[in-house]
PDB file of all heavy atoms in Angstrom:
ATOM      1  N   ALA A   1     140.477  82.513  64.348  1.00  0.00           N
ATOM      2  CA  ALA A   1     139.200  82.275  63.628  1.00  0.00           C
ATOM      3  C   ALA A   1     138.051  82.309  64.634  1.00  0.00           C
ATOM      4  O   ALA A   1     138.142  81.746  65.715  1.00  0.00           O
ATOM      5  CB  ALA A   1     139.355  80.938  63.030  1.00  0.00           C
ATOM      6  N   GLY A   2     137.031  82.972  64.301  1.00  0.00           N
ATOM      7  CA  GLY A   2     135.912  83.063  65.238  1.00  0.00           C
ATOM      8  C   GLY A   2     136.246  83.916  66.357  1.00  0.00           C
ATOM      9  O   GLY A   2     136.036  83.383  67.518  1.00  0.00           O
ATOM     10  N   LEU A   3     136.853  85.137  66.221  1.00  0.00           N
ATOM     11  CA  LEU A   3     137.178  85.947  67.361  1.00  0.00           C
ATOM     12  C   LEU A   3     136.039  86.071  68.331  1.00  0.00           C
ATOM     13  O   LEU A   3     136.265  86.133  69.558  1.00  0.00           O
ATOM     14  CB  LEU A   3     137.638  87.354  66.892  1.00  0.00           C
ATOM     15  CG  LEU A   3     137.951  88.377  67.970  1.00  0.00           C
ATOM     16  CD1 LEU A   3     139.156  87.891  68.731  1.00  0.00           C
ATOM     17  CD2 LEU A   3     138.202  89.727  67.308  1.00  0.00           C
ATOM     18  N   VAL A   4     134.812  86.050  67.749  1.00  0.00           N
ATOM     19  CA  VAL A   4     133.603  85.803  68.598  1.00  0.00           C
ATOM     20  C   VAL A   4     132.691  84.866  67.880  1.00  0.00           C
ATOM     21  O   VAL A   4     133.050  84.515  66.701  1.00  0.00           O
ATOM     22  CB  VAL A   4     132.927  87.211  68.866  1.00  0.00           C
ATOM     23  CG1 VAL A   4     133.695  87.938  69.904  1.00  0.00           C
ATOM     24  CG2 VAL A   4     132.838  87.966  67.589  1.00  0.00           C
ATOM     25  N   LEU A   5     131.545  84.577  68.302  1.00  0.00           N
ATOM     26  CA  LEU A   5     130.707  83.503  67.732  1.00  0.00           C
ATOM     27  C   LEU A   5     129.940  83.947  66.562  1.00  0.00           C
ATOM     28  O   LEU A   5     129.861  85.162  66.262  1.00  0.00           O
ATOM     29  CB  LEU A   5     129.782  82.980  68.751  1.00  0.00           C
ATOM     30  CG  LEU A   5     130.434  82.619  70.119  1.00  0.00           C
ATOM     31  CD1 LEU A   5     129.296  82.099  71.040  1.00  0.00           C
ATOM     32  CD2 LEU A   5     131.471  81.617  69.999  1.00  0.00           C
ATOM     33  N   TRP A   6     129.451  83.049  65.719  1.00  0.00           N
ATOM     34  CA  TRP A   6     128.691  83.386  64.567  1.00  0.00           C
ATOM     35  C   TRP A   6     127.421  84.219  64.932  1.00  0.00           C
ATOM     36  O   TRP A   6     126.795  83.867  65.874  1.00  0.00           O
ATOM     37  CB  TRP A   6     128.305  82.156  63.819  1.00  0.00           C
ATOM     38  CG  TRP A   6     127.402  82.359  62.670  1.00  0.00           C
ATOM     39  CD1 TRP A   6     127.709  83.113  61.534  1.00  0.00           C
ATOM     40  CD2 TRP A   6     126.103  81.870  62.443  1.00  0.00           C
ATOM     41  NE1 TRP A   6     126.707  83.197  60.701  1.00  0.00           N
ATOM     42  CE2 TRP A   6     125.680  82.360  61.139  1.00  0.00           C
ATOM     43  CE3 TRP A   6     125.264  81.040  63.188  1.00  0.00           C
ATOM     44  CZ2 TRP A   6     124.440  82.051  60.631  1.00  0.00           C
ATOM     45  CZ3 TRP A   6     124.021  80.712  62.666  1.00  0.00           C
ATOM     46  CH2 TRP A   6     123.626  81.204  61.398  1.00  0.00           C
ATOM     47  N   ALA A   7     127.178  85.287  64.147  1.00  0.00           N
ATOM     48  CA  ALA A   7     126.127  86.193  64.526  1.00  0.00           C
ATOM     49  C   ALA A   7     124.812  85.515  64.788  1.00  0.00           C
ATOM     50  O   ALA A   7     124.072  85.846  65.733  1.00  0.00           O
ATOM     51  CB  ALA A   7     125.977  87.329  63.403  1.00  0.00           C
ATOM     52  N   GLY A   8     124.482  84.572  63.967  1.00  0.00           N
ATOM     53  CA  GLY A   8     123.173  83.987  64.068  1.00  0.00           C
ATOM     54  C   GLY A   8     123.022  83.105  65.376  1.00  0.00           C
ATOM     55  O   GLY A   8     121.921  82.828  65.842  1.00  0.00           O
ATOM     56  N   ALA A   9     124.133  82.726  65.989  1.00  0.00           N
ATOM     57  CA  ALA A   9     124.063  81.938  67.202  1.00  0.00           C
ATOM     58  C   ALA A   9     124.262  82.712  68.524  1.00  0.00           C
ATOM     59  O   ALA A   9     124.230  82.201  69.536  1.00  0.00           O
ATOM     60  CB  ALA A   9     125.211  80.824  67.130  1.00  0.00           C
ATOM     61  N   ALA A  10     124.502  84.061  68.356  1.00  0.00           N
ATOM     62  CA  ALA A  10     124.855  84.828  69.603  1.00  0.00           C
ATOM     63  C   ALA A  10     123.509  85.172  70.391  1.00  0.00           C
ATOM     64  O   ALA A  10     122.645  85.822  69.840  1.00  0.00           O
ATOM     65  CB  ALA A  10     125.483  86.120  69.145  1.00  0.00           C
ATOM     66  N   PRO A  11     123.451  84.655  71.594  1.00  0.00           N
ATOM     67  CA  PRO A  11     122.232  85.013  72.412  1.00  0.00           C
ATOM     68  C   PRO A  11     122.272  86.430  72.896  1.00  0.00           C
ATOM     69  O   PRO A  11     123.241  87.144  72.715  1.00  0.00           O
ATOM     70  CB  PRO A  11     122.356  84.063  73.633  1.00  0.00           C
ATOM     71  CG  PRO A  11     123.877  83.810  73.739  1.00  0.00           C
ATOM     72  CD  PRO A  11     124.372  83.850  72.326  1.00  0.00           C
ATOM     73  N   ALA A  12     121.110  86.866  73.365  1.00  0.00           N
ATOM     74  CA  ALA A  12     121.066  88.295  73.877  1.00  0.00           C
ATOM     75  C   ALA A  12     122.009  88.393  75.014  1.00  0.00           C
ATOM     76  O   ALA A  12     122.118  87.491  75.916  1.00  0.00           O
ATOM     77  CB  ALA A  12     119.579  88.600  74.253  1.00  0.00           C
ATOM     78  N   GLN A  13     122.632  89.550  75.121  1.00  0.00           N
ATOM     79  CA  GLN A  13     123.663  89.773  76.176  1.00  0.00           C
ATOM     80  C   GLN A  13     123.682  91.241  76.557  1.00  0.00           C
ATOM     81  O   GLN A  13     123.605  92.098  75.729  1.00  0.00           O
ATOM     82  CB  GLN A  13     125.008  89.321  75.782  1.00  0.00           C
ATOM     83  CG  GLN A  13     126.133  89.384  76.820  1.00  0.00           C
ATOM     84  CD  GLN A  13     127.498  89.045  76.306  1.00  0.00           C
ATOM     85  OE1 GLN A  13     128.059  89.760  75.453  1.00  0.00           O
ATOM     86  NE2 GLN A  13     127.947  87.843  76.707  1.00  0.00           N
ATOM     87  N   GLN A  14     123.672  91.474  77.869  1.00  0.00           N
ATOM     88  CA  GLN A  14     123.762  92.846  78.246  1.00  0.00           C
ATOM     89  C   GLN A  14     125.111  93.481  77.938  1.00  0.00           C
ATOM     90  O   GLN A  14     126.166  92.954  78.383  1.00  0.00           O
ATOM     91  CB  GLN A  14     123.575  92.877  79.858  1.00  0.00           C
ATOM     92  CG  GLN A  14     123.353  94.353  80.429  1.00  0.00           C
ATOM     93  CD  GLN A  14     121.949  94.856  80.067  1.00  0.00           C
ATOM     94  OE1 GLN A  14     121.023  94.119  79.736  1.00  0.00           O
ATOM     95  NE2 GLN A  14     121.805  96.175  80.161  1.00  0.00           N
ATOM     96  N   VAL A  15     125.110  94.498  77.083  1.00  0.00           N
ATOM     97  CA  VAL A  15     126.378  95.069  76.616  1.00  0.00           C
ATOM     98  C   VAL A  15     126.527  96.395  77.231  1.00  0.00           C
ATOM     99  O   VAL A  15     125.779  97.362  77.064  1.00  0.00           O
ATOM    100  CB  VAL A  15     126.362  95.149  75.093  1.00  0.00           C
ATOM    101  CG1 VAL A  15     127.709  95.782  74.559  1.00  0.00           C
ATOM    102  CG2 VAL A  15     126.202  93.741  74.479  1.00  0.00           C
ATOM    103  N   PRO A  16     127.584  96.674  78.027  1.00  0.00           N
ATOM    104  CA  PRO A  16     127.884  97.982  78.609  1.00  0.00           C
ATOM    105  C   PRO A  16     128.446  98.935  77.541  1.00  0.00           C
ATOM    106  O   PRO A  16     128.935  98.568  76.447  1.00  0.00           O
ATOM    107  CB  PRO A  16     128.922  97.756  79.701  1.00  0.00           C
ATOM    108  CG  PRO A  16     129.656  96.496  79.104  1.00  0.00           C
ATOM    109  CD  PRO A  16     128.662  95.726  78.375  1.00  0.00           C
ATOM    110  N   ARG A  17     128.269 100.217  77.830  1.00  0.00           N
ATOM    111  CA  ARG A  17     128.819 101.222  76.968  1.00  0.00           C
ATOM    112  C   ARG A  17     130.156 101.760  77.545  1.00  0.00           C
ATOM    113  O   ARG A  17     130.197 102.090  78.759  1.00  0.00           O
ATOM    114  CB  ARG A  17     127.919 102.467  76.899  1.00  0.00           C
ATOM    115  CG  ARG A  17     128.371 103.650  76.070  1.00  0.00           C
ATOM    116  CD  ARG A  17     127.273 104.732  76.209  1.00  0.00           C
ATOM    117  NE  ARG A  17     127.759 105.936  75.530  1.00  0.00           N
ATOM    118  CZ  ARG A  17     127.519 106.321  74.275  1.00  0.00           C
ATOM    119  NH1 ARG A  17     126.883 105.455  73.597  1.00  0.00           N
ATOM    120  NH2 ARG A  17     127.944 107.473  73.797  1.00  0.00           N
ATOM    121  N   VAL A  18     131.202 101.659  76.844  1.00  0.00           N
ATOM    122  CA  VAL A  18     132.564 102.017  77.313  1.00  0.00           C
ATOM    123  C   VAL A  18     132.802 103.500  76.916  1.00  0.00           C
ATOM    124  O   VAL A  18     132.573 103.915  75.780  1.00  0.00           O
ATOM    125  CB  VAL A  18     133.593 101.123  76.624  1.00  0.00           C
ATOM    126  CG1 VAL A  18     134.971 101.627  77.130  1.00  0.00           C
ATOM    127  CG2 VAL A  18     133.400  99.712  76.979  1.00  0.00           C
ATOM    128  N   GLU A  19     133.276 104.263  77.891  1.00  0.00           N
ATOM    129  CA  GLU A  19     133.530 105.652  77.636  1.00  0.00           C
ATOM    130  C   GLU A  19     135.015 105.923  77.463  1.00  0.00           C
ATOM    131  O   GLU A  19     135.863 105.602  78.411  1.00  0.00           O
ATOM    132  CB  GLU A  19     132.969 106.525  78.852  1.00  0.00           C
ATOM    133  CG  GLU A  19     131.657 106.549  79.064  1.00  0.00           C
ATOM    134  CD  GLU A  19     130.730 107.184  78.022  1.00  0.00           C
ATOM    135  OE1 GLU A  19     131.243 107.982  77.235  1.00  0.00           O
ATOM    136  OE2 GLU A  19     129.550 106.806  77.831  1.00  0.00           O
ATOM    137  N   ALA A  20     135.455 106.281  76.303  1.00  0.00           N
ATOM    138  CA  ALA A  20     136.834 106.667  76.093  1.00  0.00           C
ATOM    139  C   ALA A  20     136.954 108.213  76.398  1.00  0.00           C
ATOM    140  O   ALA A  20     136.668 109.054  75.550  1.00  0.00           O
ATOM    141  CB  ALA A  20     137.291 106.436  74.645  1.00  0.00           C
ATOM    142  N   VAL A  21     137.324 108.496  77.643  1.00  0.00           N
ATOM    143  CA  VAL A  21     137.335 109.893  78.086  1.00  0.00           C
ATOM    144  C   VAL A  21     138.476 110.633  77.434  1.00  0.00           C
ATOM    145  O   VAL A  21     139.533 110.124  77.112  1.00  0.00           O
ATOM    146  CB  VAL A  21     137.462 109.925  79.616  1.00  0.00           C
ATOM    147  CG1 VAL A  21     136.304 109.250  80.251  1.00  0.00           C
ATOM    148  CG2 VAL A  21     138.757 109.322  80.074  1.00  0.00           C
ATOM    149  N   TYR A  22     138.268 111.972  77.311  1.00  0.00           N
ATOM    150  CA  TYR A  22     139.220 112.809  76.691  1.00  0.00           C
ATOM    151  C   TYR A  22     140.177 113.281  77.776  1.00  0.00           C
ATOM    152  O   TYR A  22     139.825 113.764  78.844  1.00  0.00           O
ATOM    153  CB  TYR A  22     138.577 114.025  76.127  1.00  0.00           C
ATOM    154  CG  TYR A  22     139.543 115.101  75.622  1.00  0.00           C
ATOM    155  CD1 TYR A  22     140.514 114.857  74.669  1.00  0.00           C
ATOM    156  CD2 TYR A  22     139.610 116.382  76.287  1.00  0.00           C
ATOM    157  CE1 TYR A  22     141.446 115.760  74.296  1.00  0.00           C
ATOM    158  CE2 TYR A  22     140.516 117.333  75.854  1.00  0.00           C
ATOM    159  CZ  TYR A  22     141.455 117.091  74.860  1.00  0.00           C
ATOM    160  OH  TYR A  22     142.352 118.004  74.435  1.00  0.00           O
ATOM    161  N   HIS A  23     141.472 113.059  77.542  1.00  0.00           N
ATOM    162  CA  HIS A  23     142.575 113.375  78.518  1.00  0.00           C
ATOM    163  C   HIS A  23     143.549 114.238  77.809  1.00  0.00           C
ATOM    164  O   HIS A  23     144.456 113.818  77.042  1.00  0.00           O
ATOM    165  CB  HIS A  23     143.264 112.164  78.999  1.00  0.00           C
ATOM    166  CG  HIS A  23     144.145 112.267  80.169  1.00  0.00           C
ATOM    167  ND1 HIS A  23     145.473 112.361  80.092  1.00  0.00           N
ATOM    168  CD2 HIS A  23     143.806 112.482  81.546  1.00  0.00           C
ATOM    169  CE1 HIS A  23     145.957 112.499  81.313  1.00  0.00           C
ATOM    170  NE2 HIS A  23     144.983 112.586  82.199  1.00  0.00           N
ATOM    171  N   HIS A  24     143.460 115.515  78.087  1.00  0.00           N
ATOM    172  CA  HIS A  24     144.286 116.444  77.297  1.00  0.00           C
ATOM    173  C   HIS A  24     145.810 116.389  77.528  1.00  0.00           C
ATOM    174  O   HIS A  24     146.594 116.728  76.621  1.00  0.00           O
ATOM    175  CB  HIS A  24     143.970 117.933  77.626  1.00  0.00           C
ATOM    176  CG  HIS A  24     144.255 118.377  79.044  1.00  0.00           C
ATOM    177  ND1 HIS A  24     145.507 118.881  79.338  1.00  0.00           N
ATOM    178  CD2 HIS A  24     143.597 118.231  80.201  1.00  0.00           C
ATOM    179  CE1 HIS A  24     145.543 119.178  80.621  1.00  0.00           C
ATOM    180  NE2 HIS A  24     144.363 118.776  81.131  1.00  0.00           N
ATOM    181  N   ALA A  25     146.223 115.738  78.584  1.00  0.00           N
ATOM    182  CA  ALA A  25     147.672 115.669  78.918  1.00  0.00           C
ATOM    183  C   ALA A  25     148.310 114.421  78.199  1.00  0.00           C
ATOM    184  O   ALA A  25     149.459 114.248  78.418  1.00  0.00           O
ATOM    185  CB  ALA A  25     147.867 115.583  80.432  1.00  0.00           C
ATOM    186  N   GLY A  26     147.589 113.709  77.367  1.00  0.00           N
ATOM    187  CA  GLY A  26     148.143 112.573  76.722  1.00  0.00           C
ATOM    188  C   GLY A  26     147.654 111.345  77.314  1.00  0.00           C
ATOM    189  O   GLY A  26     147.249 111.235  78.462  1.00  0.00           O
ATOM    190  N   VAL A  27     147.828 110.177  76.505  1.00  0.00           N
ATOM    191  CA  VAL A  27     147.372 108.968  77.050  1.00  0.00           C
ATOM    192  C   VAL A  27     148.563 108.130  77.572  1.00  0.00           C
ATOM    193  O   VAL A  27     149.605 108.129  76.990  1.00  0.00           O
ATOM    194  CB  VAL A  27     146.631 108.096  75.972  1.00  0.00           C
ATOM    195  CG1 VAL A  27     145.311 108.918  75.446  1.00  0.00           C
ATOM    196  CG2 VAL A  27     147.498 107.841  74.752  1.00  0.00           C
ATOM    197  N   PRO A  28     148.385 107.332  78.654  1.00  0.00           N
ATOM    198  CA  PRO A  28     149.530 106.657  79.205  1.00  0.00           C
ATOM    199  C   PRO A  28     149.750 105.316  78.376  1.00  0.00           C
ATOM    200  O   PRO A  28     148.816 104.653  77.880  1.00  0.00           O
ATOM    201  CB  PRO A  28     148.997 106.318  80.582  1.00  0.00           C
ATOM    202  CG  PRO A  28     147.518 106.269  80.552  1.00  0.00           C
ATOM    203  CD  PRO A  28     147.253 107.250  79.466  1.00  0.00           C
ATOM    204  N   GLY A  29     150.975 104.999  78.180  1.00  0.00           N
ATOM    205  CA  GLY A  29     151.403 103.794  77.493  1.00  0.00           C
ATOM    206  C   GLY A  29     151.539 102.562  78.367  1.00  0.00           C
ATOM    207  O   GLY A  29     151.555 101.458  77.926  1.00  0.00           O
ATOM    208  N   ARG A  30     151.615 102.829  79.685  1.00  0.00           N
ATOM    209  CA  ARG A  30     151.842 101.758  80.604  1.00  0.00           C
ATOM    210  C   ARG A  30     150.535 101.464  81.395  1.00  0.00           C
ATOM    211  O   ARG A  30     149.804 102.280  81.849  1.00  0.00           O
ATOM    212  CB  ARG A  30     152.934 102.051  81.629  1.00  0.00           C
ATOM    213  CG  ARG A  30     154.259 102.142  81.059  1.00  0.00           C
ATOM    214  CD  ARG A  30     154.858 100.875  80.547  1.00  0.00           C
ATOM    215  NE  ARG A  30     154.749  99.838  81.607  1.00  0.00           N
ATOM    216  CZ  ARG A  30     155.071  98.602  81.335  1.00  0.00           C
ATOM    217  NH1 ARG A  30     155.533  98.135  80.161  1.00  0.00           N
ATOM    218  NH2 ARG A  30     154.940  97.638  82.266  1.00  0.00           N
ATOM    219  N   PRO A  31     150.224 100.188  81.706  1.00  0.00           N
ATOM    220  CA  PRO A  31     149.009  99.828  82.413  1.00  0.00           C
ATOM    221  C   PRO A  31     148.943 100.251  83.896  1.00  0.00           C
ATOM    222  O   PRO A  31     147.885 100.432  84.390  1.00  0.00           O
ATOM    223  CB  PRO A  31     148.859  98.321  82.288  1.00  0.00           C
ATOM    224  CG  PRO A  31     150.263  97.845  81.981  1.00  0.00           C
ATOM    225  CD  PRO A  31     150.899  98.962  81.245  1.00  0.00           C
ATOM    226  N   GLU A  32     150.063 100.456  84.462  1.00  0.00           N
ATOM    227  CA  GLU A  32     150.175 100.853  85.852  1.00  0.00           C
ATOM    228  C   GLU A  32     150.141 102.371  86.058  1.00  0.00           C
ATOM    229  O   GLU A  32     150.162 102.868  87.197  1.00  0.00           O
ATOM    230  CB  GLU A  32     151.445 100.248  86.553  1.00  0.00           C
ATOM    231  CG  GLU A  32     152.786 100.790  86.018  1.00  0.00           C
ATOM    232  CD  GLU A  32     153.323 100.068  84.877  1.00  0.00           C
ATOM    233  OE1 GLU A  32     152.555  99.350  84.095  1.00  0.00           O
ATOM    234  OE2 GLU A  32     154.492 100.152  84.627  1.00  0.00           O
TER     235      GLU A  32
END
């Protein structure tokens, strides 16, 4: 519940842009 805070209470925050790059050889399933 409340994965993030209620919209009306959220202060301004610097939000980065995430790039999901295209990788033609397939995406890895392991974090390492």
